[in-house]
Amino acid sequence: MCSPASGSVFQIGATSAECIATDQRQRIDTCLFTITLTAPPKISLTRFLAFGDSMTAGEVDAPNTVRGLAVHPELS
């Protein structure tokens, strides 16, 4: 048995966990460990727009994710 339980949701940062196991002879052992989650990297790209003789650069954050689904911003 582990705490937090299997399938638990973890926040970004460090969380301590402990698992306890008992065999058929009632011998008990424990394991303590730390689960560390870091924020995913943020990817940005540069978009270049040309108007006649001039060129300007703008930044767009992409790709984004919502509940595991990739969401791509519209570029116009």
PDB file of N, CA and C in Angstrom:
ATOM      1  N   MET A   1       0.846  -1.155   0.000  1.00  0.00           N
ATOM      2  CA  MET A   1       0.000   0.000   0.000  1.00  0.00           C
ATOM      3  C   MET A   1       0.902   1.233   0.000  1.00  0.00           C
ATOM      4  N   CYS A   2       0.510   2.226  -0.803  1.00  0.00           N
ATOM      5  CA  CYS A   2       1.319   3.441  -0.909  1.00  0.00           C
ATOM      6  C   CYS A   2       0.489   4.671  -0.564  1.00  0.00           C
ATOM      7  N   SER A   3       1.193   5.685  -0.073  1.00  0.00           N
ATOM      8  CA  SER A   3       0.564   6.963   0.204  1.00  0.00           C
ATOM      9  C   SER A   3       1.501   8.057  -0.302  1.00  0.00           C
ATOM     10  N   PRO A   4       1.053   8.907  -1.206  1.00  0.00           N
ATOM     11  CA  PRO A   4      -0.257   8.951  -1.829  1.00  0.00           C
ATOM     12  C   PRO A   4      -0.500   7.713  -2.687  1.00  0.00           C
ATOM     13  N   ALA A   5      -1.773   7.393  -2.879  1.00  0.00           N
ATOM     14  CA  ALA A   5      -2.163   6.175  -3.588  1.00  0.00           C
ATOM     15  C   ALA A   5      -1.843   6.255  -5.077  1.00  0.00           C
ATOM     16  N   SER A   6      -1.733   5.092  -5.690  1.00  0.00           N
ATOM     17  CA  SER A   6      -1.534   5.005  -7.133  1.00  0.00           C
ATOM     18  C   SER A   6      -2.659   5.759  -7.834  1.00  0.00           C
ATOM     19  N   GLY A   7      -2.315   6.526  -8.853  1.00  0.00           N
ATOM     20  CA  GLY A   7      -3.306   7.301  -9.591  1.00  0.00           C
ATOM     21  C   GLY A   7      -3.557   8.683  -9.018  1.00  0.00           C
ATOM     22  N   SER A   8      -2.862   9.034  -7.936  1.00  0.00           N
ATOM     23  CA  SER A   8      -3.034  10.361  -7.335  1.00  0.00           C
ATOM     24  C   SER A   8      -2.537  11.443  -8.285  1.00  0.00           C
ATOM     25  N   VAL A   9      -3.097  12.634  -8.138  1.00  0.00           N
ATOM     26  CA  VAL A   9      -2.666  13.788  -8.923  1.00  0.00           C
ATOM     27  C   VAL A   9      -1.633  14.553  -8.093  1.00  0.00           C
ATOM     28  N   PHE A  10      -0.510  14.893  -8.720  1.00  0.00           N
ATOM     29  CA  PHE A  10       0.566  15.606  -8.033  1.00  0.00           C
ATOM     30  C   PHE A  10       0.688  17.009  -8.601  1.00  0.00           C
ATOM     31  N   GLN A  11       0.989  17.958  -7.725  1.00  0.00           N
ATOM     32  CA  GLN A  11       1.246  19.328  -8.135  1.00  0.00           C
ATOM     33  C   GLN A  11       2.722  19.461  -8.516  1.00  0.00           C
ATOM     34  N   ILE A  12       3.047  20.522  -9.240  1.00  0.00           N
ATOM     35  CA  ILE A  12       4.443  20.786  -9.570  1.00  0.00           C
ATOM     36  C   ILE A  12       5.194  21.050  -8.270  1.00  0.00           C
ATOM     37  N   GLY A  13       6.350  20.414  -8.134  1.00  0.00           N
ATOM     38  CA  GLY A  13       7.147  20.517  -6.917  1.00  0.00           C
ATOM     39  C   GLY A  13       7.459  19.134  -6.383  1.00  0.00           C
ATOM     40  N   ALA A  14       7.905  19.066  -5.140  1.00  0.00           N
ATOM     41  CA  ALA A  14       8.301  17.797  -4.515  1.00  0.00           C
ATOM     42  C   ALA A  14       7.190  17.279  -3.605  1.00  0.00           C
ATOM     43  N   THR A  15       6.946  15.964  -3.671  1.00  0.00           N
ATOM     44  CA  THR A  15       5.969  15.287  -2.817  1.00  0.00           C
ATOM     45  C   THR A  15       6.619  14.040  -2.251  1.00  0.00           C
ATOM     46  N   SER A  16       6.525  13.853  -0.943  1.00  0.00           N
ATOM     47  CA  SER A  16       7.053  12.637  -0.311  1.00  0.00           C
ATOM     48  C   SER A  16       6.039  11.512  -0.466  1.00  0.00           C
ATOM     49  N   ALA A  17       6.548  10.301  -0.665  1.00  0.00           N
ATOM     50  CA  ALA A  17       5.692   9.124  -0.798  1.00  0.00           C
ATOM     51  C   ALA A  17       6.260   7.994   0.047  1.00  0.00           C
ATOM     52  N   GLU A  18       5.376   7.101   0.481  1.00  0.00           N
ATOM     53  CA  GLU A  18       5.785   5.948   1.274  1.00  0.00           C
ATOM     54  C   GLU A  18       4.966   4.743   0.834  1.00  0.00           C
ATOM     55  N   CYS A  19       5.653   3.623   0.639  1.00  0.00           N
ATOM     56  CA  CYS A  19       4.986   2.365   0.315  1.00  0.00           C
ATOM     57  C   CYS A  19       5.345   1.336   1.383  1.00  0.00           C
ATOM     58  N   ILE A  20       4.349   0.550   1.785  1.00  0.00           N
ATOM     59  CA  ILE A  20       4.540  -0.500   2.786  1.00  0.00           C
ATOM     60  C   ILE A  20       4.078  -1.816   2.176  1.00  0.00           C
ATOM     61  N   ALA A  21       4.917  -2.840   2.297  1.00  0.00           N
ATOM     62  CA  ALA A  21       4.579  -4.168   1.764  1.00  0.00           C
ATOM     63  C   ALA A  21       4.685  -5.201   2.882  1.00  0.00           C
ATOM     64  N   THR A  22       3.772  -6.173   2.858  1.00  0.00           N
ATOM     65  CA  THR A  22       3.771  -7.277   3.821  1.00  0.00           C
ATOM     66  C   THR A  22       3.709  -8.582   3.043  1.00  0.00           C
ATOM     67  N   ASP A  23       4.610  -9.533   3.361  1.00  0.00           N
ATOM     68  CA  ASP A  23       4.576 -10.820   2.661  1.00  0.00           C
ATOM     69  C   ASP A  23       3.722 -11.832   3.439  1.00  0.00           C
ATOM     70  N   GLN A  24       3.686 -13.083   2.937  1.00  0.00           N
ATOM     71  CA  GLN A  24       2.852 -14.121   3.544  1.00  0.00           C
ATOM     72  C   GLN A  24       3.283 -14.468   4.964  1.00  0.00           C
ATOM     73  N   ARG A  25       4.524 -14.221   5.299  1.00  0.00           N
ATOM     74  CA  ARG A  25       5.018 -14.497   6.660  1.00  0.00           C
ATOM     75  C   ARG A  25       4.894 -13.272   7.571  1.00  0.00           C
ATOM     76  N   GLN A  26       4.139 -12.292   7.116  1.00  0.00           N
ATOM     77  CA  GLN A  26       3.887 -11.064   7.874  1.00  0.00           C
ATOM     78  C   GLN A  26       5.140 -10.224   8.111  1.00  0.00           C
ATOM     79  N   ARG A  27       6.112 -10.360   7.204  1.00  0.00           N
ATOM     80  CA  ARG A  27       7.294  -9.498   7.264  1.00  0.00           C
ATOM     81  C   ARG A  27       6.937  -8.198   6.541  1.00  0.00           C
ATOM     82  N   ILE A  28       7.288  -7.112   7.160  1.00  0.00           N
ATOM     83  CA  ILE A  28       6.921  -5.800   6.626  1.00  0.00           C
ATOM     84  C   ILE A  28       8.179  -5.050   6.204  1.00  0.00           C
ATOM     85  N   ASP A  29       8.064  -4.349   5.070  1.00  0.00           N
ATOM     86  CA  ASP A  29       9.154  -3.485   4.629  1.00  0.00           C
ATOM     87  C   ASP A  29       8.541  -2.195   4.096  1.00  0.00           C
ATOM     88  N   THR A  30       9.288  -1.123   4.199  1.00  0.00           N
ATOM     89  CA  THR A  30       8.805   0.172   3.731  1.00  0.00           C
ATOM     90  C   THR A  30       9.813   0.802   2.779  1.00  0.00           C
ATOM     91  N   CYS A  31       9.309   1.695   1.963  1.00  0.00           N
ATOM     92  CA  CYS A  31      10.156   2.448   1.034  1.00  0.00           C
ATOM     93  C   CYS A  31       9.676   3.893   1.052  1.00  0.00           C
ATOM     94  N   LEU A  32      10.566   4.804   1.344  1.00  0.00           N
ATOM     95  CA  LEU A  32      10.271   6.233   1.320  1.00  0.00           C
ATOM     96  C   LEU A  32      10.999   6.854   0.135  1.00  0.00           C
ATOM     97  N   PHE A  33      10.296   7.696  -0.622  1.00  0.00           N
ATOM     98  CA  PHE A  33      10.934   8.346  -1.766  1.00  0.00           C
ATOM     99  C   PHE A  33      10.235   9.666  -2.051  1.00  0.00           C
ATOM    100  N   THR A  34      10.873  10.476  -2.869  1.00  0.00           N
ATOM    101  CA  THR A  34      10.337  11.783  -3.240  1.00  0.00           C
ATOM    102  C   THR A  34      10.009  11.792  -4.723  1.00  0.00           C
ATOM    103  N   ILE A  35       8.839  12.310  -5.046  1.00  0.00           N
ATOM    104  CA  ILE A  35       8.412  12.483  -6.435  1.00  0.00           C
ATOM    105  C   ILE A  35       8.537  13.976  -6.727  1.00  0.00           C
ATOM    106  N   THR A  36       9.314  14.323  -7.745  1.00  0.00           N
ATOM    107  CA  THR A  36       9.513  15.729  -8.088  1.00  0.00           C
ATOM    108  C   THR A  36       9.024  15.985  -9.505  1.00  0.00           C
ATOM    109  N   LEU A  37       8.082  16.913  -9.641  1.00  0.00           N
ATOM    110  CA  LEU A  37       7.563  17.304 -10.952  1.00  0.00           C
ATOM    111  C   LEU A  37       8.025  18.720 -11.255  1.00  0.00           C
ATOM    112  N   THR A  38       8.458  18.929 -12.488  1.00  0.00           N
ATOM    113  CA  THR A  38       8.860  20.261 -12.925  1.00  0.00           C
ATOM    114  C   THR A  38       7.912  20.730 -14.018  1.00  0.00           C
ATOM    115  N   ALA A  39       7.798  22.032 -14.166  1.00  0.00           N
ATOM    116  CA  ALA A  39       6.942  22.601 -15.206  1.00  0.00           C
ATOM    117  C   ALA A  39       7.499  22.235 -16.576  1.00  0.00           C
ATOM    118  N   PRO A  40       6.615  21.963 -17.543  1.00  0.00           N
ATOM    119  CA  PRO A  40       7.101  21.647 -18.885  1.00  0.00           C
ATOM    120  C   PRO A  40       7.773  22.875 -19.504  1.00  0.00           C
ATOM    121  N   PRO A  41       8.701  22.657 -20.421  1.00  0.00           N
ATOM    122  CA  PRO A  41       9.364  23.800 -21.056  1.00  0.00           C
ATOM    123  C   PRO A  41       8.373  24.600 -21.893  1.00  0.00           C
ATOM    124  N   LYS A  42       8.591  25.892 -21.958  1.00  0.00           N
ATOM    125  CA  LYS A  42       7.744  26.767 -22.763  1.00  0.00           C
ATOM    126  C   LYS A  42       8.448  27.010 -24.091  1.00  0.00           C
ATOM    127  N   ILE A  43       7.780  26.668 -25.153  1.00  0.00           N
ATOM    128  CA  ILE A  43       8.350  26.824 -26.490  1.00  0.00           C
ATOM    129  C   ILE A  43       7.766  28.093 -27.099  1.00  0.00           C
ATOM    130  N   SER A  44       8.623  28.931 -27.612  1.00  0.00           N
ATOM    131  CA  SER A  44       8.133  30.109 -28.320  1.00  0.00           C
ATOM    132  C   SER A  44       8.813  30.172 -29.674  1.00  0.00           C
ATOM    133  N   LEU A  45       8.121  30.782 -30.614  1.00  0.00           N
ATOM    134  CA  LEU A  45       8.697  30.915 -31.946  1.00  0.00           C
ATOM    135  C   LEU A  45       8.551  32.353 -32.380  1.00  0.00           C
ATOM    136  N   THR A  46       9.368  32.741 -33.319  1.00  0.00           N
ATOM    137  CA  THR A  46       9.343  34.103 -33.830  1.00  0.00           C
ATOM    138  C   THR A  46       8.713  34.098 -35.208  1.00  0.00           C
ATOM    139  N   ARG A  47       7.795  35.044 -35.413  1.00  0.00           N
ATOM    140  CA  ARG A  47       7.107  35.172 -36.696  1.00  0.00           C
ATOM    141  C   ARG A  47       7.598  36.464 -37.347  1.00  0.00           C
ATOM    142  N   PHE A  48       8.000  36.369 -38.587  1.00  0.00           N
ATOM    143  CA  PHE A  48       8.469  37.541 -39.311  1.00  0.00           C
ATOM    144  C   PHE A  48       7.398  37.997 -40.288  1.00  0.00           C
ATOM    145  N   LEU A  49       7.133  39.293 -40.280  1.00  0.00           N
ATOM    146  CA  LEU A  49       6.164  39.892 -41.192  1.00  0.00           C
ATOM    147  C   LEU A  49       6.892  40.912 -42.058  1.00  0.00           C
ATOM    148  N   ALA A  50       6.687  40.848 -43.347  1.00  0.00           N
ATOM    149  CA  ALA A  50       7.336  41.790 -44.257  1.00  0.00           C
ATOM    150  C   ALA A  50       6.284  42.700 -44.875  1.00  0.00           C
ATOM    151  N   PHE A  51       6.520  44.008 -44.798  1.00  0.00           N
ATOM    152  CA  PHE A  51       5.641  45.004 -45.400  1.00  0.00           C
ATOM    153  C   PHE A  51       6.507  45.884 -46.292  1.00  0.00           C
ATOM    154  N   GLY A  52       6.462  45.636 -47.565  1.00  0.00           N
ATOM    155  CA  GLY A  52       7.279  46.422 -48.477  1.00  0.00           C
ATOM    156  C   GLY A  52       8.748  46.220 -48.191  1.00  0.00           C
ATOM    157  N   ASP A  53       9.444  47.318 -47.843  1.00  0.00           N
ATOM    158  CA  ASP A  53      10.874  47.248 -47.578  1.00  0.00           C
ATOM    159  C   ASP A  53      11.197  46.895 -46.120  1.00  0.00           C
ATOM    160  N   SER A  54      10.193  46.931 -45.241  1.00  0.00           N
ATOM    161  CA  SER A  54      10.482  46.732 -43.819  1.00  0.00           C
ATOM    162  C   SER A  54      10.169  45.303 -43.384  1.00  0.00           C
ATOM    163  N   MET A  55      10.777  44.915 -42.283  1.00  0.00           N
ATOM    164  CA  MET A  55      10.505  43.600 -41.703  1.00  0.00           C
ATOM    165  C   MET A  55      10.414  43.786 -40.193  1.00  0.00           C
ATOM    166  N   THR A  56       9.374  43.211 -39.583  1.00  0.00           N
ATOM    167  CA  THR A  56       9.230  43.266 -38.130  1.00  0.00           C
ATOM    168  C   THR A  56       9.122  41.851 -37.600  1.00  0.00           C
ATOM    169  N   ALA A  57       9.517  41.668 -36.363  1.00  0.00           N
ATOM    170  CA  ALA A  57       9.447  40.340 -35.745  1.00  0.00           C
ATOM    171  C   ALA A  57       8.486  40.400 -34.567  1.00  0.00           C
ATOM    172  N   GLY A  58       7.674  39.354 -34.426  1.00  0.00           N
ATOM    173  CA  GLY A  58       6.771  39.231 -33.284  1.00  0.00           C
ATOM    174  C   GLY A  58       6.910  37.848 -32.696  1.00  0.00           C
ATOM    175  N   GLU A  59       6.593  37.695 -31.422  1.00  0.00           N
ATOM    176  CA  GLU A  59       6.690  36.383 -30.787  1.00  0.00           C
ATOM    177  C   GLU A  59       5.311  35.810 -30.546  1.00  0.00           C
ATOM    178  N   VAL A  60       5.202  34.509 -30.767  1.00  0.00           N
ATOM    179  CA  VAL A  60       3.958  33.779 -30.555  1.00  0.00           C
ATOM    180  C   VAL A  60       4.280  32.589 -29.672  1.00  0.00           C
ATOM    181  N   ASP A  61       3.504  32.373 -28.614  1.00  0.00           N
ATOM    182  CA  ASP A  61       3.687  31.191 -27.773  1.00  0.00           C
ATOM    183  C   ASP A  61       2.960  30.018 -28.413  1.00  0.00           C
ATOM    184  N   ALA A  62       3.672  28.942 -28.682  1.00  0.00           N
ATOM    185  CA  ALA A  62       3.059  27.751 -29.287  1.00  0.00           C
ATOM    186  C   ALA A  62       3.961  26.575 -29.032  1.00  0.00           C
ATOM    187  N   PRO A  63       3.571  25.362 -29.019  1.00  0.00           N
ATOM    188  CA  PRO A  63       2.159  24.984 -28.948  1.00  0.00           C
ATOM    189  C   PRO A  63       1.666  25.045 -27.508  1.00  0.00           C
ATOM    190  N   ASN A  64       0.385  25.106 -27.331  1.00  0.00           N
ATOM    191  CA  ASN A  64      -0.235  25.072 -26.005  1.00  0.00           C
ATOM    192  C   ASN A  64      -0.944  23.743 -25.854  1.00  0.00           C
ATOM    193  N   THR A  65      -1.174  23.308 -24.629  1.00  0.00           N
ATOM    194  CA  THR A  65      -1.938  22.085 -24.415  1.00  0.00           C
ATOM    195  C   THR A  65      -3.047  22.345 -23.418  1.00  0.00           C
ATOM    196  N   VAL A  66      -4.156  21.706 -23.648  1.00  0.00           N
ATOM    197  CA  VAL A  66      -5.297  21.761 -22.745  1.00  0.00           C
ATOM    198  C   VAL A  66      -5.732  20.336 -22.483  1.00  0.00           C
ATOM    199  N   ARG A  67      -5.581  19.868 -21.250  1.00  0.00           N
ATOM    200  CA  ARG A  67      -5.963  18.512 -20.861  1.00  0.00           C
ATOM    201  C   ARG A  67      -5.370  17.463 -21.801  1.00  0.00           C
ATOM    202  N   GLY A  68      -4.103  17.633 -22.149  1.00  0.00           N
ATOM    203  CA  GLY A  68      -3.408  16.649 -22.964  1.00  0.00           C
ATOM    204  C   GLY A  68      -3.643  16.784 -24.458  1.00  0.00           C
ATOM    205  N   LEU A  69      -4.492  17.734 -24.895  1.00  0.00           N
ATOM    206  CA  LEU A  69      -4.757  17.932 -26.317  1.00  0.00           C
ATOM    207  C   LEU A  69      -3.958  19.134 -26.796  1.00  0.00           C
ATOM    208  N   ALA A  70      -3.306  18.988 -27.938  1.00  0.00           N
ATOM    209  CA  ALA A  70      -2.515  20.091 -28.478  1.00  0.00           C
ATOM    210  C   ALA A  70      -3.442  21.154 -29.048  1.00  0.00           C
ATOM    211  N   VAL A  71      -3.184  22.402 -28.711  1.00  0.00           N
ATOM    212  CA  VAL A  71      -3.957  23.525 -29.221  1.00  0.00           C
ATOM    213  C   VAL A  71      -2.977  24.436 -29.933  1.00  0.00           C
ATOM    214  N   HIS A  72      -3.210  24.696 -31.206  1.00  0.00           N
ATOM    215  CA  HIS A  72      -2.294  25.518 -31.993  1.00  0.00           C
ATOM    216  C   HIS A  72      -2.942  26.870 -32.257  1.00  0.00           C
ATOM    217  N   PRO A  73      -2.267  27.955 -31.898  1.00  0.00           N
ATOM    218  CA  PRO A  73      -2.844  29.275 -32.139  1.00  0.00           C
ATOM    219  C   PRO A  73      -2.905  29.574 -33.629  1.00  0.00           C
ATOM    220  N   GLU A  74      -3.877  30.382 -34.018  1.00  0.00           N
ATOM    221  CA  GLU A  74      -3.978  30.781 -35.419  1.00  0.00           C
ATOM    222  C   GLU A  74      -2.945  31.861 -35.699  1.00  0.00           C
ATOM    223  N   LEU A  75      -2.230  31.716 -36.768  1.00  0.00           N
ATOM    224  CA  LEU A  75      -1.272  32.727 -37.198  1.00  0.00           C
ATOM    225  C   LEU A  75      -1.838  33.367 -38.442  1.00  0.00           C
ATOM    226  N   SER A  76      -1.926  34.677 -38.448  1.00  0.00           N
ATOM    227  CA  SER A  76      -2.450  35.338 -39.642  1.00  0.00           C
ATOM    228  C   SER A  76      -1.539  36.466 -40.053  1.00  0.00           C
TER     229      SER A  76
END
